[in-house]
Amino acid sequence: MAFWSDKIVEPKRKFRWLLSINGIPYWTIKKVNRPTYEVAEAEHKFINHTFYFPGRVTYNTVSFTIVDTSSPDAAETLKQMLYGAGYALPKDENVSTQTITKHGGVTALGDVNIELLGGGGKDSQSPDRTADFGASTGNYGVGYNDEGTVLEKWKLHNAWIKKIEFSELDYDGDDLAEITVELRYDFAELNGKNIGAIFGALNKDATRQPSKLNGGYEVGFDNIPKRQD
């Protein structure tokens, strides 16, 4: 049943999310784009026909924007991440040949997780909400997407900083100074079984799991579907 005709069904909301990166307060992060991926194609021509075959999967970069706070200093934090990755100013012959390594870049940045959160409120809110309120009990007649419920979680594996862009300065503007950070990573894991909860537990209710896929190969959360070839 569509969400506009059923009060129980709640779509994911663009403003209910948290991005966690070590060293960057999550409340300073203004926006982030979710991982995107694309499948390359191989082309084969036969007479006047063209046929296509799927190729490699490539994950595109993820960018997020933060407020350039002075305490803690956001610009200094990002600079130290760059230096921690292995970069050094060429001020001395002893470090002029030093370069960034993947190990250094990934370690300096740390874990990167994006979580889409449910709505609702606390279990203990009185007088209408009791201890069994929320999706954790499957009691949909009482409430849904309660506090601590994660509807979607992405983990970026081996992420490192590719680009840092500071906002321009302008006497005519009243806006806050911002910094945009672009991340490169190997792959992004969605709702993985080995991803521990940070801000809440992943909602794995049966009603949220895929169904009626062509071929009937759908499986529940944490499982890998069978190949269709």
N, C-alpha and C. Protein backbone atom coordinates (compact mmCIF):
# COMPACT_ATOMS: atom_id res chain seq x y z
N MET A 1 0.85 -1.19 0.00
CA MET A 1 0.00 0.00 0.00
C MET A 1 0.89 1.24 0.00
N ALA A 2 0.52 2.25 -0.75
CA ALA A 2 1.32 3.46 -0.88
C ALA A 2 1.34 4.27 0.41
N PHE A 3 2.43 4.99 0.63
CA PHE A 3 2.58 5.72 1.89
C PHE A 3 1.58 6.87 2.04
N TRP A 4 1.05 7.37 0.91
CA TRP A 4 0.12 8.50 1.02
C TRP A 4 -1.30 8.05 1.43
N SER A 5 -1.55 6.73 1.43
CA SER A 5 -2.87 6.25 1.83
C SER A 5 -2.83 5.37 3.07
N ASP A 6 -1.65 5.21 3.66
CA ASP A 6 -1.51 4.39 4.87
C ASP A 6 -0.67 5.15 5.88
N LYS A 7 -1.23 5.48 7.02
CA LYS A 7 -0.52 6.28 8.01
C LYS A 7 0.62 5.53 8.66
N ILE A 8 0.65 4.20 8.54
CA ILE A 8 1.71 3.41 9.16
C ILE A 8 3.00 3.51 8.35
N VAL A 9 2.88 3.58 7.02
CA VAL A 9 4.07 3.59 6.15
C VAL A 9 4.69 4.98 6.16
N GLU A 10 5.97 5.04 6.45
CA GLU A 10 6.69 6.31 6.55
C GLU A 10 7.85 6.32 5.56
N PRO A 11 7.87 7.25 4.59
CA PRO A 11 9.02 7.34 3.67
C PRO A 11 10.25 7.87 4.39
N LYS A 12 11.40 7.56 3.85
CA LYS A 12 12.63 8.11 4.40
C LYS A 12 12.65 9.61 4.14
N ARG A 13 13.21 10.35 5.10
CA ARG A 13 13.20 11.82 5.00
C ARG A 13 14.62 12.34 4.81
N LYS A 14 14.75 13.39 3.99
CA LYS A 14 16.06 13.94 3.64
C LYS A 14 16.77 14.61 4.81
N PHE A 15 16.03 15.02 5.83
CA PHE A 15 16.64 15.75 6.94
C PHE A 15 16.92 14.88 8.17
N ARG A 16 16.53 13.61 8.13
CA ARG A 16 16.76 12.72 9.26
C ARG A 16 17.99 11.86 8.99
N TRP A 17 19.14 12.38 9.24
CA TRP A 17 20.37 11.64 8.97
C TRP A 17 21.50 12.15 9.83
N LEU A 18 22.51 11.34 9.94
CA LEU A 18 23.74 11.71 10.66
C LEU A 18 24.94 11.13 9.91
N LEU A 19 25.96 11.95 9.74
CA LEU A 19 27.23 11.51 9.16
C LEU A 19 28.27 11.51 10.27
N SER A 20 28.89 10.38 10.48
CA SER A 20 29.89 10.28 11.54
C SER A 20 31.28 10.11 10.95
N ILE A 21 32.18 11.04 11.30
CA ILE A 21 33.59 10.99 10.91
C ILE A 21 34.41 11.39 12.13
N ASN A 22 35.40 10.61 12.46
CA ASN A 22 36.21 10.90 13.63
C ASN A 22 36.86 12.28 13.51
N GLY A 23 36.70 13.10 14.54
CA GLY A 23 37.34 14.41 14.57
C GLY A 23 36.48 15.54 14.06
N ILE A 24 35.34 15.22 13.43
CA ILE A 24 34.45 16.26 12.91
C ILE A 24 33.11 16.13 13.63
N PRO A 25 32.74 17.11 14.45
CA PRO A 25 31.44 17.03 15.15
C PRO A 25 30.30 16.90 14.14
N TYR A 26 29.44 15.92 14.34
CA TYR A 26 28.40 15.66 13.35
C TYR A 26 27.40 16.81 13.25
N TRP A 27 27.29 17.62 14.29
CA TRP A 27 26.34 18.74 14.24
C TRP A 27 26.85 19.89 13.36
N THR A 28 28.11 19.86 12.95
CA THR A 28 28.64 20.89 12.05
C THR A 28 28.47 20.52 10.58
N ILE A 29 28.03 19.31 10.30
CA ILE A 29 27.89 18.83 8.93
C ILE A 29 26.53 19.23 8.39
N LYS A 30 26.51 19.99 7.30
CA LYS A 30 25.26 20.54 6.76
C LYS A 30 24.58 19.63 5.76
N LYS A 31 25.36 18.98 4.90
CA LYS A 31 24.77 18.11 3.89
C LYS A 31 25.80 17.11 3.40
N VAL A 32 25.30 16.02 2.84
CA VAL A 32 26.16 14.97 2.29
C VAL A 32 25.37 14.24 1.22
N ASN A 33 26.06 13.81 0.18
CA ASN A 33 25.37 12.99 -0.82
C ASN A 33 25.66 11.52 -0.55
N ARG A 34 24.65 10.71 -0.75
CA ARG A 34 24.81 9.28 -0.54
C ARG A 34 25.66 8.67 -1.66
N PRO A 35 26.28 7.52 -1.40
CA PRO A 35 27.10 6.89 -2.44
C PRO A 35 26.29 6.59 -3.69
N THR A 36 26.94 6.73 -4.83
CA THR A 36 26.35 6.36 -6.11
C THR A 36 27.30 5.42 -6.83
N TYR A 37 26.74 4.54 -7.63
CA TYR A 37 27.59 3.59 -8.35
C TYR A 37 27.02 3.39 -9.74
N GLU A 38 27.87 2.98 -10.65
CA GLU A 38 27.46 2.76 -12.02
C GLU A 38 28.17 1.54 -12.58
N VAL A 39 27.50 0.89 -13.50
CA VAL A 39 28.04 -0.31 -14.13
C VAL A 39 28.56 0.06 -15.52
N ALA A 40 29.83 -0.21 -15.76
CA ALA A 40 30.41 0.08 -17.07
C ALA A 40 29.80 -0.86 -18.11
N GLU A 41 29.94 -0.50 -19.36
CA GLU A 41 29.36 -1.30 -20.44
C GLU A 41 30.39 -1.60 -21.52
N ALA A 42 30.27 -2.79 -22.08
CA ALA A 42 31.09 -3.17 -23.23
C ALA A 42 30.18 -3.25 -24.44
N GLU A 43 30.64 -2.71 -25.54
CA GLU A 43 29.82 -2.61 -26.75
C GLU A 43 30.28 -3.62 -27.80
N HIS A 44 29.31 -4.29 -28.40
CA HIS A 44 29.63 -5.24 -29.47
C HIS A 44 28.74 -4.95 -30.68
N LYS A 45 29.35 -4.77 -31.82
CA LYS A 45 28.61 -4.46 -33.03
C LYS A 45 28.57 -5.67 -33.96
N PHE A 46 27.40 -5.90 -34.52
CA PHE A 46 27.22 -6.97 -35.50
C PHE A 46 26.38 -6.43 -36.65
N ILE A 47 27.01 -6.28 -37.80
CA ILE A 47 26.41 -5.70 -38.99
C ILE A 47 25.84 -4.32 -38.64
N ASN A 48 24.52 -4.16 -38.62
CA ASN A 48 23.96 -2.84 -38.29
C ASN A 48 23.29 -2.84 -36.90
N HIS A 49 23.68 -3.79 -36.03
CA HIS A 49 23.12 -3.88 -34.69
C HIS A 49 24.21 -3.64 -33.64
N THR A 50 23.81 -3.12 -32.52
CA THR A 50 24.73 -2.89 -31.40
C THR A 50 24.18 -3.56 -30.14
N PHE A 51 25.03 -4.32 -29.47
CA PHE A 51 24.64 -5.02 -28.26
C PHE A 51 25.56 -4.59 -27.12
N TYR A 52 25.00 -4.61 -25.90
CA TYR A 52 25.75 -4.13 -24.74
C TYR A 52 25.81 -5.21 -23.67
N PHE A 53 26.96 -5.25 -22.97
CA PHE A 53 27.19 -6.21 -21.90
C PHE A 53 27.68 -5.47 -20.66
N PRO A 54 27.18 -5.87 -19.47
CA PRO A 54 27.60 -5.18 -18.25
C PRO A 54 29.06 -5.45 -17.93
N GLY A 55 29.71 -4.43 -17.37
CA GLY A 55 31.13 -4.54 -17.02
C GLY A 55 31.37 -4.35 -15.54
N ARG A 56 32.38 -3.59 -15.21
CA ARG A 56 32.78 -3.40 -13.82
C ARG A 56 31.88 -2.37 -13.12
N VAL A 57 31.74 -2.53 -11.82
CA VAL A 57 31.00 -1.58 -11.00
C VAL A 57 31.98 -0.56 -10.44
N THR A 58 31.65 0.71 -10.58
CA THR A 58 32.49 1.80 -10.08
C THR A 58 31.68 2.66 -9.12
N TYR A 59 32.27 2.95 -7.96
CA TYR A 59 31.63 3.83 -6.98
C TYR A 59 32.14 5.25 -7.16
N ASN A 60 31.23 6.21 -7.21
CA ASN A 60 31.59 7.61 -7.38
C ASN A 60 31.92 8.25 -6.03
N THR A 61 32.54 9.39 -6.08
CA THR A 61 32.97 10.06 -4.85
C THR A 61 31.77 10.56 -4.05
N VAL A 62 32.00 10.74 -2.76
CA VAL A 62 31.00 11.31 -1.84
C VAL A 62 31.52 12.64 -1.33
N SER A 63 30.67 13.66 -1.30
CA SER A 63 31.05 14.98 -0.81
C SER A 63 30.14 15.39 0.33
N PHE A 64 30.71 16.08 1.30
CA PHE A 64 29.91 16.63 2.38
C PHE A 64 30.39 18.05 2.69
N THR A 65 29.50 18.85 3.24
CA THR A 65 29.80 20.26 3.55
C THR A 65 29.65 20.49 5.04
N ILE A 66 30.63 21.16 5.62
CA ILE A 66 30.60 21.46 7.05
C ILE A 66 30.72 22.97 7.26
N VAL A 67 30.26 23.41 8.41
CA VAL A 67 30.46 24.80 8.81
C VAL A 67 31.90 24.94 9.28
N ASP A 68 32.58 25.99 8.84
CA ASP A 68 33.98 26.21 9.20
C ASP A 68 34.04 26.81 10.61
N THR A 69 33.95 25.95 11.59
CA THR A 69 33.95 26.40 12.99
C THR A 69 35.36 26.79 13.43
N SER A 70 35.41 27.65 14.44
CA SER A 70 36.70 28.08 14.99
C SER A 70 37.09 27.30 16.24
N SER A 71 36.11 26.62 16.86
CA SER A 71 36.40 25.86 18.07
C SER A 71 35.50 24.64 18.14
N PRO A 72 36.02 23.46 17.77
CA PRO A 72 37.38 23.22 17.25
C PRO A 72 37.53 23.76 15.83
N ASP A 73 38.74 24.10 15.48
CA ASP A 73 39.02 24.72 14.19
C ASP A 73 38.89 23.67 13.08
N ALA A 74 37.87 23.84 12.22
CA ALA A 74 37.61 22.86 11.17
C ALA A 74 38.72 22.83 10.14
N ALA A 75 39.23 24.00 9.75
CA ALA A 75 40.30 24.05 8.76
C ALA A 75 41.56 23.36 9.27
N GLU A 76 41.89 23.59 10.53
CA GLU A 76 43.06 22.96 11.11
C GLU A 76 42.88 21.45 11.23
N THR A 77 41.67 21.02 11.57
CA THR A 77 41.40 19.59 11.65
C THR A 77 41.64 18.90 10.32
N LEU A 78 41.13 19.49 9.24
CA LEU A 78 41.31 18.89 7.92
C LEU A 78 42.77 18.96 7.47
N LYS A 79 43.46 20.02 7.84
CA LYS A 79 44.88 20.11 7.49
C LYS A 79 45.67 19.00 8.15
N GLN A 80 45.36 18.73 9.39
CA GLN A 80 46.08 17.68 10.11
C GLN A 80 45.76 16.30 9.55
N MET A 81 44.52 16.12 9.03
CA MET A 81 44.20 14.87 8.35
C MET A 81 45.07 14.69 7.11
N LEU A 82 45.28 15.80 6.38
CA LEU A 82 46.12 15.75 5.18
C LEU A 82 47.55 15.41 5.54
N TYR A 83 48.06 16.03 6.59
CA TYR A 83 49.43 15.76 7.03
C TYR A 83 49.55 14.34 7.58
N GLY A 84 48.48 13.90 8.28
CA GLY A 84 48.49 12.54 8.81
C GLY A 84 48.50 11.49 7.70
N ALA A 85 48.01 11.86 6.52
CA ALA A 85 48.01 10.95 5.39
C ALA A 85 49.41 10.79 4.79
N GLY A 86 50.32 11.71 5.14
CA GLY A 86 51.70 11.60 4.66
C GLY A 86 52.22 12.83 3.94
N TYR A 87 51.37 13.83 3.76
CA TYR A 87 51.83 15.03 3.06
C TYR A 87 52.69 15.89 3.98
N ALA A 88 53.66 16.58 3.39
CA ALA A 88 54.51 17.52 4.13
C ALA A 88 54.90 18.66 3.20
N LEU A 89 54.94 19.87 3.74
CA LEU A 89 55.38 21.00 2.95
C LEU A 89 56.84 20.83 2.57
N PRO A 90 57.19 21.17 1.32
CA PRO A 90 58.57 20.96 0.86
C PRO A 90 59.52 22.05 1.37
N LYS A 91 59.59 22.19 2.68
CA LYS A 91 60.45 23.20 3.28
C LYS A 91 61.82 22.65 3.66
N ASP A 92 61.95 21.34 3.58
CA ASP A 92 63.19 20.72 4.03
C ASP A 92 63.53 19.58 3.08
N GLU A 93 64.79 19.41 2.77
CA GLU A 93 65.19 18.36 1.84
C GLU A 93 64.89 16.96 2.38
N ASN A 94 64.77 16.85 3.69
CA ASN A 94 64.51 15.54 4.29
C ASN A 94 63.08 15.07 4.07
N VAL A 95 62.16 16.00 3.81
CA VAL A 95 60.75 15.62 3.62
C VAL A 95 60.25 15.95 2.22
N SER A 96 61.09 16.49 1.38
CA SER A 96 60.65 16.94 0.05
C SER A 96 60.20 15.78 -0.82
N THR A 97 60.62 14.58 -0.51
CA THR A 97 60.22 13.41 -1.30
C THR A 97 59.13 12.60 -0.62
N GLN A 98 58.62 13.07 0.49
CA GLN A 98 57.59 12.34 1.22
C GLN A 98 56.25 12.46 0.49
N THR A 99 55.51 11.37 0.41
CA THR A 99 54.24 11.35 -0.32
C THR A 99 53.13 10.75 0.54
N ILE A 100 51.92 10.97 0.07
CA ILE A 100 50.74 10.41 0.73
C ILE A 100 50.61 8.93 0.37
N THR A 101 50.24 8.12 1.35
CA THR A 101 49.98 6.71 1.11
C THR A 101 48.51 6.42 1.38
N LYS A 102 48.01 5.34 0.80
CA LYS A 102 46.62 4.97 1.04
C LYS A 102 46.41 4.60 2.50
N HIS A 103 47.35 3.90 3.07
CA HIS A 103 47.25 3.53 4.49
C HIS A 103 47.17 4.77 5.36
N GLY A 104 48.00 5.75 5.06
CA GLY A 104 47.99 6.97 5.85
C GLY A 104 46.70 7.75 5.68
N GLY A 105 46.21 7.85 4.43
CA GLY A 105 44.99 8.60 4.17
C GLY A 105 43.77 7.98 4.81
N VAL A 106 43.65 6.65 4.71
CA VAL A 106 42.51 5.96 5.30
C VAL A 106 42.56 6.02 6.82
N THR A 107 43.74 5.84 7.38
CA THR A 107 43.89 5.86 8.84
C THR A 107 43.63 7.24 9.40
N ALA A 108 44.12 8.28 8.74
CA ALA A 108 43.94 9.65 9.23
C ALA A 108 42.47 10.07 9.22
N LEU A 109 41.71 9.61 8.21
CA LEU A 109 40.30 9.97 8.12
C LEU A 109 39.46 9.16 9.09
N GLY A 110 39.73 7.88 9.20
CA GLY A 110 38.96 7.03 10.10
C GLY A 110 37.68 6.52 9.46
N ASP A 111 36.79 5.98 10.29
CA ASP A 111 35.53 5.41 9.80
C ASP A 111 34.60 6.50 9.30
N VAL A 112 33.88 6.19 8.22
CA VAL A 112 32.89 7.10 7.65
C VAL A 112 31.57 6.34 7.52
N ASN A 113 30.54 6.81 8.21
CA ASN A 113 29.24 6.16 8.19
C ASN A 113 28.14 7.20 7.98
N ILE A 114 27.17 6.85 7.15
CA ILE A 114 25.99 7.69 6.91
C ILE A 114 24.77 6.90 7.36
N GLU A 115 23.96 7.49 8.24
CA GLU A 115 22.78 6.81 8.74
C GLU A 115 21.53 7.66 8.50
N LEU A 116 20.51 7.03 7.90
CA LEU A 116 19.20 7.65 7.79
C LEU A 116 18.35 7.17 8.95
N LEU A 117 17.78 8.11 9.69
CA LEU A 117 17.09 7.79 10.93
C LEU A 117 15.59 7.82 10.76
N GLY A 118 14.92 7.07 11.64
CA GLY A 118 13.47 7.10 11.69
C GLY A 118 13.00 8.27 12.53
N GLY A 119 11.72 8.50 12.56
CA GLY A 119 11.17 9.57 13.37
C GLY A 119 10.70 9.04 14.71
N GLY A 120 9.58 9.57 15.21
CA GLY A 120 9.06 9.08 16.48
C GLY A 120 9.70 9.78 17.66
N GLY A 121 9.57 9.18 18.82
CA GLY A 121 10.10 9.77 20.04
C GLY A 121 10.59 8.71 20.99
N LYS A 122 10.80 9.08 22.23
CA LYS A 122 11.35 8.16 23.22
C LYS A 122 10.31 7.17 23.71
N ASP A 123 10.81 5.97 24.07
CA ASP A 123 9.91 4.95 24.59
C ASP A 123 9.20 5.41 25.86
N SER A 124 9.89 6.17 26.68
CA SER A 124 9.38 6.50 28.01
C SER A 124 8.50 7.75 28.03
N GLN A 125 8.24 8.32 26.85
CA GLN A 125 7.43 9.54 26.83
C GLN A 125 6.02 9.24 27.33
N SER A 126 5.59 9.98 28.31
CA SER A 126 4.26 9.75 28.90
C SER A 126 3.32 10.87 28.47
N PRO A 127 2.01 10.62 28.51
CA PRO A 127 1.37 9.40 29.03
C PRO A 127 1.03 8.38 27.97
N ASP A 128 1.30 8.68 26.68
CA ASP A 128 0.79 7.83 25.61
C ASP A 128 1.73 6.72 25.18
N ARG A 129 3.02 6.86 25.45
CA ARG A 129 3.97 5.88 24.95
C ARG A 129 4.52 5.03 26.09
N THR A 130 4.49 3.74 25.89
CA THR A 130 4.93 2.80 26.93
C THR A 130 6.22 2.13 26.50
N ALA A 131 6.68 1.22 27.32
CA ALA A 131 7.97 0.57 27.05
C ALA A 131 7.94 -0.28 25.79
N ASP A 132 6.76 -0.70 25.33
CA ASP A 132 6.69 -1.54 24.14
C ASP A 132 6.40 -0.73 22.89
N PHE A 133 6.58 0.60 22.98
CA PHE A 133 6.31 1.45 21.82
C PHE A 133 7.43 1.34 20.80
N GLY A 134 7.08 1.30 19.51
CA GLY A 134 8.09 1.41 18.48
C GLY A 134 8.29 0.17 17.65
N ALA A 135 9.16 0.31 16.64
CA ALA A 135 9.39 -0.77 15.69
C ALA A 135 10.15 -1.93 16.32
N SER A 136 10.84 -1.69 17.43
CA SER A 136 11.66 -2.73 18.03
C SER A 136 10.83 -3.93 18.47
N THR A 137 9.55 -3.74 18.73
CA THR A 137 8.68 -4.82 19.15
C THR A 137 7.77 -5.30 18.04
N GLY A 138 7.79 -4.61 16.91
CA GLY A 138 6.91 -4.97 15.82
C GLY A 138 5.47 -4.59 16.07
N ASN A 139 5.25 -3.76 17.08
CA ASN A 139 3.89 -3.36 17.42
C ASN A 139 3.52 -2.11 16.65
N TYR A 140 3.10 -2.29 15.40
CA TYR A 140 2.86 -1.14 14.53
C TYR A 140 1.60 -0.38 14.90
N GLY A 141 0.72 -1.02 15.69
CA GLY A 141 -0.49 -0.32 16.09
C GLY A 141 -0.22 0.77 17.10
N VAL A 142 0.95 0.74 17.73
CA VAL A 142 1.29 1.73 18.76
C VAL A 142 2.19 2.81 18.21
N GLY A 143 3.19 2.42 17.42
CA GLY A 143 4.11 3.43 16.90
C GLY A 143 5.03 2.83 15.86
N TYR A 144 5.80 3.68 15.19
CA TYR A 144 6.68 3.20 14.13
C TYR A 144 7.89 4.13 14.01
N ASN A 145 9.05 3.55 13.66
CA ASN A 145 10.28 4.33 13.47
C ASN A 145 10.59 5.20 14.68
N ASP A 146 10.66 4.56 15.79
CA ASP A 146 10.88 5.20 17.07
C ASP A 146 12.34 5.65 17.21
N GLU A 147 12.65 6.41 18.23
CA GLU A 147 14.00 6.89 18.48
C GLU A 147 14.98 5.72 18.54
N GLY A 148 16.12 5.86 17.90
CA GLY A 148 17.11 4.81 17.88
C GLY A 148 16.97 3.85 16.71
N THR A 149 15.97 4.08 15.83
CA THR A 149 15.77 3.22 14.68
C THR A 149 16.53 3.78 13.47
N VAL A 150 17.38 2.94 12.88
CA VAL A 150 18.11 3.31 11.68
C VAL A 150 17.44 2.64 10.49
N LEU A 151 17.05 3.42 9.50
CA LEU A 151 16.37 2.89 8.32
C LEU A 151 17.34 2.55 7.20
N GLU A 152 18.51 3.16 7.21
CA GLU A 152 19.49 2.92 6.15
C GLU A 152 20.86 3.32 6.66
N LYS A 153 21.85 2.49 6.41
CA LYS A 153 23.20 2.80 6.87
C LYS A 153 24.23 2.45 5.81
N TRP A 154 25.08 3.42 5.49
CA TRP A 154 26.16 3.23 4.53
C TRP A 154 27.50 3.29 5.27
N LYS A 155 28.38 2.39 4.93
CA LYS A 155 29.76 2.44 5.44
C LYS A 155 30.70 2.53 4.25
N LEU A 156 31.53 3.58 4.24
CA LEU A 156 32.50 3.77 3.16
C LEU A 156 33.80 3.05 3.52
N HIS A 157 34.18 2.08 2.72
CA HIS A 157 35.37 1.29 3.01
C HIS A 157 36.61 1.94 2.39
N ASN A 158 37.65 2.09 3.20
CA ASN A 158 38.93 2.65 2.77
C ASN A 158 38.78 4.05 2.17
N ALA A 159 38.05 4.90 2.87
CA ALA A 159 37.83 6.26 2.39
C ALA A 159 39.01 7.15 2.74
N TRP A 160 39.34 8.06 1.83
CA TRP A 160 40.39 9.06 2.07
C TRP A 160 39.98 10.37 1.40
N ILE A 161 40.56 11.45 1.88
CA ILE A 161 40.19 12.78 1.39
C ILE A 161 40.82 13.03 0.03
N LYS A 162 39.97 13.33 -0.95
CA LYS A 162 40.45 13.63 -2.30
C LYS A 162 40.54 15.13 -2.55
N LYS A 163 39.59 15.89 -1.97
CA LYS A 163 39.55 17.32 -2.27
C LYS A 163 38.97 18.08 -1.08
N ILE A 164 39.55 19.23 -0.78
CA ILE A 164 39.06 20.14 0.25
C ILE A 164 38.89 21.51 -0.39
N GLU A 165 37.67 22.05 -0.30
CA GLU A 165 37.38 23.34 -0.93
C GLU A 165 36.78 24.29 0.10
N PHE A 166 37.45 25.41 0.33
CA PHE A 166 36.98 26.42 1.26
C PHE A 166 36.06 27.41 0.53
N SER A 167 35.01 27.83 1.21
CA SER A 167 34.09 28.80 0.60
C SER A 167 34.78 30.15 0.45
N GLU A 168 34.31 30.94 -0.51
CA GLU A 168 34.89 32.26 -0.72
C GLU A 168 34.50 33.21 0.40
N LEU A 169 35.27 34.26 0.53
CA LEU A 169 34.98 35.31 1.51
C LEU A 169 34.37 36.50 0.78
N ASP A 170 33.33 37.11 1.41
CA ASP A 170 32.58 38.14 0.70
C ASP A 170 32.05 39.15 1.71
N TYR A 171 32.40 40.43 1.56
CA TYR A 171 31.91 41.48 2.46
C TYR A 171 30.40 41.67 2.36
N ASP A 172 29.82 41.30 1.23
CA ASP A 172 28.39 41.51 1.03
C ASP A 172 27.53 40.42 1.66
N GLY A 173 28.15 39.32 2.08
CA GLY A 173 27.37 38.19 2.56
C GLY A 173 27.35 38.07 4.07
N ASP A 174 26.26 37.46 4.58
CA ASP A 174 26.12 37.17 6.00
C ASP A 174 26.20 35.67 6.28
N ASP A 175 26.48 34.88 5.26
CA ASP A 175 26.49 33.43 5.40
C ASP A 175 27.68 32.96 6.24
N LEU A 176 27.52 31.78 6.79
CA LEU A 176 28.62 31.16 7.53
C LEU A 176 29.66 30.60 6.56
N ALA A 177 30.91 30.67 6.96
CA ALA A 177 31.98 30.09 6.14
C ALA A 177 31.84 28.57 6.15
N GLU A 178 32.08 27.95 5.01
CA GLU A 178 31.89 26.51 4.87
C GLU A 178 33.12 25.86 4.24
N ILE A 179 33.19 24.56 4.42
CA ILE A 179 34.23 23.75 3.79
C ILE A 179 33.56 22.54 3.16
N THR A 180 33.87 22.28 1.90
CA THR A 180 33.34 21.09 1.22
C THR A 180 34.47 20.07 1.06
N VAL A 181 34.19 18.85 1.47
CA VAL A 181 35.19 17.79 1.45
C VAL A 181 34.71 16.67 0.53
N GLU A 182 35.57 16.25 -0.38
CA GLU A 182 35.24 15.15 -1.29
C GLU A 182 36.05 13.93 -0.90
N LEU A 183 35.37 12.78 -0.81
CA LEU A 183 36.01 11.54 -0.38
C LEU A 183 36.04 10.53 -1.52
N ARG A 184 37.15 9.84 -1.63
CA ARG A 184 37.25 8.69 -2.52
C ARG A 184 37.31 7.44 -1.65
N TYR A 185 36.71 6.36 -2.10
CA TYR A 185 36.66 5.13 -1.32
C TYR A 185 36.61 3.96 -2.30
N ASP A 186 36.85 2.75 -1.78
CA ASP A 186 36.86 1.57 -2.65
C ASP A 186 35.45 1.09 -2.95
N PHE A 187 34.62 0.97 -1.94
CA PHE A 187 33.24 0.56 -2.13
C PHE A 187 32.43 0.96 -0.90
N ALA A 188 31.12 1.01 -1.07
CA ALA A 188 30.22 1.39 0.02
C ALA A 188 29.32 0.21 0.35
N GLU A 189 29.23 -0.10 1.65
CA GLU A 189 28.40 -1.22 2.10
C GLU A 189 27.09 -0.67 2.67
N LEU A 190 25.98 -1.19 2.17
CA LEU A 190 24.67 -0.77 2.62
C LEU A 190 24.07 -1.82 3.53
N ASN A 191 23.74 -1.42 4.77
CA ASN A 191 23.06 -2.30 5.73
C ASN A 191 23.80 -3.62 5.93
N GLY A 192 25.12 -3.56 6.05
CA GLY A 192 25.92 -4.76 6.23
C GLY A 192 25.76 -5.38 7.59
N LYS A 193 25.91 -6.70 7.68
CA LYS A 193 25.71 -7.41 8.94
C LYS A 193 26.81 -7.11 9.96
N ASN A 194 28.00 -6.73 9.48
CA ASN A 194 29.11 -6.49 10.39
C ASN A 194 29.26 -5.03 10.79
N ILE A 195 28.28 -4.20 10.41
CA ILE A 195 28.34 -2.78 10.75
C ILE A 195 27.66 -2.58 12.08
N GLY A 196 28.42 -2.14 13.09
CA GLY A 196 27.85 -1.90 14.41
C GLY A 196 27.06 -0.61 14.45
N ALA A 197 26.06 -0.59 15.31
CA ALA A 197 25.21 0.59 15.45
C ALA A 197 25.98 1.72 16.11
N ILE A 198 25.79 2.94 15.63
CA ILE A 198 26.40 4.13 16.23
C ILE A 198 25.33 4.95 16.92
N PHE A 199 24.33 5.33 16.16
CA PHE A 199 23.26 6.16 16.72
C PHE A 199 21.99 5.35 16.97
N GLY A 200 21.96 4.09 16.58
CA GLY A 200 20.78 3.27 16.79
C GLY A 200 20.91 1.95 16.05
N ALA A 201 19.91 1.08 16.21
CA ALA A 201 19.93 -0.24 15.60
C ALA A 201 19.17 -0.22 14.28
N LEU A 202 19.66 -1.00 13.32
CA LEU A 202 19.02 -1.07 12.02
C LEU A 202 17.67 -1.79 12.13
N ASN A 203 16.65 -1.19 11.57
CA ASN A 203 15.31 -1.77 11.57
C ASN A 203 15.27 -2.87 10.51
N LYS A 204 15.13 -4.13 10.94
CA LYS A 204 15.13 -5.27 10.04
C LYS A 204 13.76 -5.95 9.98
N ASP A 205 12.72 -5.21 10.26
CA ASP A 205 11.39 -5.79 10.24
C ASP A 205 11.08 -6.38 8.86
N ALA A 206 10.30 -7.47 8.87
CA ALA A 206 9.99 -8.18 7.63
C ALA A 206 9.30 -7.30 6.61
N THR A 207 8.50 -6.34 7.06
CA THR A 207 7.78 -5.48 6.13
C THR A 207 8.71 -4.57 5.34
N ARG A 208 9.95 -4.37 5.80
CA ARG A 208 10.89 -3.50 5.11
C ARG A 208 11.77 -4.27 4.13
N GLN A 209 11.69 -5.58 4.14
CA GLN A 209 12.57 -6.38 3.30
C GLN A 209 12.02 -6.50 1.89
N PRO A 210 12.89 -6.64 0.89
CA PRO A 210 12.45 -6.73 -0.52
C PRO A 210 11.51 -7.91 -0.73
N SER A 211 10.61 -7.76 -1.68
CA SER A 211 9.67 -8.83 -2.00
C SER A 211 9.25 -8.73 -3.46
N LYS A 212 8.86 -9.87 -4.02
CA LYS A 212 8.31 -9.96 -5.37
C LYS A 212 9.28 -9.48 -6.45
N LEU A 213 10.57 -9.74 -6.24
CA LEU A 213 11.54 -9.44 -7.29
C LEU A 213 11.42 -10.46 -8.40
N ASN A 214 11.77 -10.07 -9.60
CA ASN A 214 11.67 -10.96 -10.74
C ASN A 214 12.57 -12.18 -10.51
N GLY A 215 11.98 -13.36 -10.52
CA GLY A 215 12.75 -14.58 -10.26
C GLY A 215 12.65 -15.03 -8.82
N GLY A 216 12.12 -14.17 -7.94
CA GLY A 216 11.94 -14.55 -6.55
C GLY A 216 13.24 -14.78 -5.81
N TYR A 217 14.29 -14.04 -6.11
CA TYR A 217 15.59 -14.25 -5.47
C TYR A 217 15.81 -13.36 -4.24
N GLU A 218 14.78 -12.60 -3.83
CA GLU A 218 14.96 -11.68 -2.72
C GLU A 218 15.24 -12.42 -1.41
N VAL A 219 16.04 -11.81 -0.55
CA VAL A 219 16.37 -12.36 0.76
C VAL A 219 16.25 -11.23 1.78
N GLY A 220 16.29 -11.59 3.06
CA GLY A 220 16.17 -10.60 4.11
C GLY A 220 17.47 -9.84 4.31
N PHE A 221 17.44 -8.87 5.22
CA PHE A 221 18.63 -8.09 5.54
C PHE A 221 19.77 -9.03 5.96
N ASP A 222 20.99 -8.62 5.63
CA ASP A 222 22.22 -9.32 6.00
C ASP A 222 22.50 -10.54 5.13
N ASN A 223 21.70 -10.80 4.11
CA ASN A 223 21.90 -11.97 3.27
C ASN A 223 22.20 -11.55 1.83
N ILE A 224 22.85 -12.43 1.09
CA ILE A 224 23.22 -12.15 -0.29
C ILE A 224 22.34 -12.98 -1.22
N PRO A 225 21.62 -12.35 -2.16
CA PRO A 225 20.76 -13.10 -3.07
C PRO A 225 21.57 -14.04 -3.98
N LYS A 226 20.90 -15.07 -4.48
CA LYS A 226 21.55 -15.99 -5.42
C LYS A 226 21.67 -15.32 -6.79
N ARG A 227 22.75 -15.66 -7.47
CA ARG A 227 22.94 -15.15 -8.82
C ARG A 227 21.84 -15.63 -9.73
N GLN A 228 21.52 -14.83 -10.73
CA GLN A 228 20.44 -15.15 -11.64
C GLN A 228 20.92 -15.69 -12.99
N ASP A 229 22.23 -15.99 -13.08
CA ASP A 229 22.73 -16.54 -14.35
C ASP A 229 22.92 -18.04 -14.27
